[in-house]
Amino acid sequence: MLTYDLITLLGPTASGKTRLAAQVADAVNAEIVSADSRQVYRRMDIGTGKDLADYVIAGRAVAHHLIDVAEPGDKYNVFEYQRDFLHAYEDIHRRGKQVLLCGGTGMYIEAVLKGYRLAPVPENAALRTELEHCSLEELTERLRTYKTLHNTTDVDTVKRAVRAIEIEEYYRTHVDTEASVFPSLRSLTVGISVDREARRRRISERLRDRLAEGLVEEVQALLDSGLTPDDLIYYGLEYRYVTLYVTGQLTYDEMFRQLETAIHQFAKRQMTWFRGMERRGCPIRWLDGSRPTEENAEIICEWLNEKE
């Protein structure tokens, strides 16, 4: 029988990953570790799509980790994620359960699967001064010149792009003697693929649902709690565009149209990252996201029980 240290389930936004992960985890006595760069933040629930009800299967709650572990305004990063993943992984295994890694942040997932040696990266004031007048397009173009790992998926604001460049420059000039040692994990890695039109339809429907559920009110509450507009704009997507609406810089219709387009582009970048992971040595078995969740869960369980 094949033995895996880890089950990994990845896919673009609105592909149904969480519900499928919960089905599989319930079937194989696993706990889920989230790989989502925004769901780590407390009180950022609707905009990040936590959908905690998806973790309940037939009345049973599936345990999940690395959701709500940081405060809004913090700049949680891949080094912290790798550290926190390993703590959760070891804890789950000590209790005799399997670990199911699920999410759409490709850099977090790849850092785990490839065991990248990462070190905490301090702020570089001189570099930030050098980049302060660059546009997002200029910063994105500079990011393309680097050959090491950077999170192009989530780089959709100037601040996030500057931080990505800061990380790249640090690794260009520092040896990895400070970097943490990460174990090599054998993973059954499964991707959820949804055709372009279905994905666009799901994204648009989910955006309307989130707005109806109180996304604007969530952003206003975060601002009322003391976060600045720049704090929220940093996180991109829903928090960027709804903040611009709340602060009067966009009309509601402008906010909806621009955010809808940005999420579609984000999903495309996610798929580009996942395909790149395959080229970089992370084999992924793809499932059709239009199939019923229960059917895809059965397929994954069959793969787990394959003979070598």
Foldseek 3Di string as FASTA:
>chain_A
DDDFQEAEEEAFPLLCFLLLLLLLCVVQVEAEEEDFQPQLEPLLDLVSPPPLVSQADPNRGGHYDNGPNDYQLDRDDLLNLLVRVVVVSVVRVVVPGHYYYYYLQLLNVCCQQVVDFDADFDDDVVLCVVCVPPALVVLLVVLVVADDDFRPLQSDHSVNSSVRVSRRVVPVPDDRPRTDGHDNTGYQAAYEDEDLVVSLVSLLVSVVVSVVVPLLVSLVVVVVVPDDLVSQCVRPQSSVLSSCCVVPNDPPVRSSVVSSVVSSVSSVVSVVSVVVVVVVPDDYHYDYSVDDSNVVSVVVVVVNVDDD
